[in-house]
Structures are given as structure tokens and as C-alpha cells.
């Protein structure tokens, strides 16, 4: 019960007023009488508050509860999707082993999972929808690989070159370029210009491409995911959760072309620009740090989403993946989780 404070003064000390009260029909109103009246008023208030508390306790014990109205700020409500196939990767992301690594700094949501079996080794709020920044490009790449050919020619439009945030930065406006370098530019340096060019190429318009992204999410059974753009530069209406991102990562690394792209540390590609070559470098912290067996997948960052990472690695016949949303230190946390997971699997019988 909140504290009740009654602030009052026993005397009126304003200029021009006599101390000790003033003359009235009933005689002098002395300060003692005034204090007595104030005490009685305070006593009445205290009794009233106590009565309200007793009534509230009685209602609760009798099974009558008053409706409470709370205002909660949270991401937009996830769209309804069909339930996943019982044999799908999503359905297998259920069991959790006793892997309990100690993570430093903050993390809003995360997951450690076996890429092949879908077995969950560790989880923190795995179904919490959060902004995902450029992790969005995982779905962009999957839709492009599904609906297009890597040998196709892509027109570079004004919208593609008029980008903000990260980008390839060398796309020649008005010219057609091979699709494959754009996929590398999408996934390695996280090019927002490449995302727009590919979205317009595959979907005709960026809006229609986003519809294809959400249709693919529905096909995969992603229950807490929604896309509003192809790049992730805008967080509004663009969110997912660790469990869904694990399924999406599985779909990426099981696709031969995309698996090759996301595992590349750096690439030199033929491209119709001055010099004829495009030099691209992967910003995946595990690949940059040469973590043993690291082979993907994608990074993301905005002020709302924080540091985001979906990464996979192979060691000693095991293939693990990690998802970090709004991480305090994505390299340290990813290494800690993967090391704990691989250590547990090595010690497991059989």
C-alpha cells in the first residue's frame, strides 16, 4: 500500500495575522484546538484507508478480482501463421540440454542449437519478438535464391543507389550487373543497396518482395516473425525471435549457394565497374576472429535492435548455431556459448 503523507502547519504565520488565532463569535480559536481538529481529520482519513484495504482483502479472498489496466510497450503482435509441420526443423527446436554458460554483459534473447537435429542446448527468451536489423537479409537471400537464378542480370535503379546505412557502394546506376556478386554484397558487408536491387529484381517492387518474404516465413512456420522491408534498415514492423531465426539459419546453410556465400571471409568478384573487380569482406565477428569451424551466417545492428548475430560453426563432427539479439558483446557471447555446447557434446556418451 502506498504511503500516505499529510502535510500541514499548526500556525498561520502570514504577515498581518495575529499569533494565537483571531476573535470570533465563539471566542478565541486557540492553536491547541486547531491541532485537535487536524488530528481528528487525519484519524478519519487513516480509518477510511484501513477500511478500503480490508474490503479489498475480503474481495480477493472471496474470488472477486478487480480488472487491472496496464499499458505495456512491446513489439507489434505477431501475425498468425499455420502450425509447423511436426517433422520440420521448427518442431524439433524443443528439447533443452543442461548447458549453462555464464554470459557477461546484457542479452535480451538468445539460443544455442544443433543445426542438424534442431536440439536446443541453451535458451534465453527464445520466443520473444525483437527488432532484428540486418538479420532480415537472411530472408532476403533465401527468397532471392528460391525465386531467381544466380546467373541473372539485375538492373541497378536509382532507389538502389540512394541508400543509407551499410552498402556495397559501387553499384553502377542504370546498368545491369550479375546477381551473384549482389548476393555476396548483401550477406558479407550487409549492403542495403544490394538488398533494394535484389528486391526490385525478384519482386518487381520492394513492396511485393516483402510479401514474398512473409509468405516464405509462413511456409517455414515462423510464428513470431514479420518483415516490412528487405534490408532491415527500418525496425518498424520488422521483427523475429531466436527460435524463428534458428529455423531460418537452418534453411540458409542447407542451401548450397547460400551456404557458400555466408561462409566466405572475403571475396574478389568480377563486376562491371572501374577495375573490373569487386572486393568484399565479411563482418561476421567469428569469421573475422577466425573462430575454429565458423561458417556463417549474418550480423545486424541498429540502435533499436542492438548487436544481433546468427552464427554457425563446425567442430569434431558437430554443427552448432547461436542466435543473439541485442547482445552486449556478440563475439565473446557467441564464443562462450559455442565453446560450452561443443564441450558438452564431446563429453556426451555415444
Foldseek 3Di string as FASTA:
>chain_A
DDDDDDDDDLWDPDPPDDTQADQDPVGGDGSVNVVVVVVVVVVVVVVVVVVVVVVQVVCVVVVHDDDDDDDDDAADFWDAFDAADCPALLVQLDAEAPQDFDDPDDFQWKWKAFLPRSYTHDIDPQFGKFQAFQLLLLLLLLLLVVQHDQQDWWAQAPVLQPDDDWALNFDDHGDIKGLNVLNLRCFARNHPSSQQRSCCRRQVHQQSSQVSSVVVLSVSRFGRAHPDGRRRNDRRRGIGGNSSSSSSVSSQCVDVSSQQSFQDQWDWAQIPDVVRIRITGGPQVCVVVVPAFKRDDHWRDDPRFATWDWTWGDDPRTIMIMTTTNDPDVVVVVVRSVVSVVVVVVPDDD
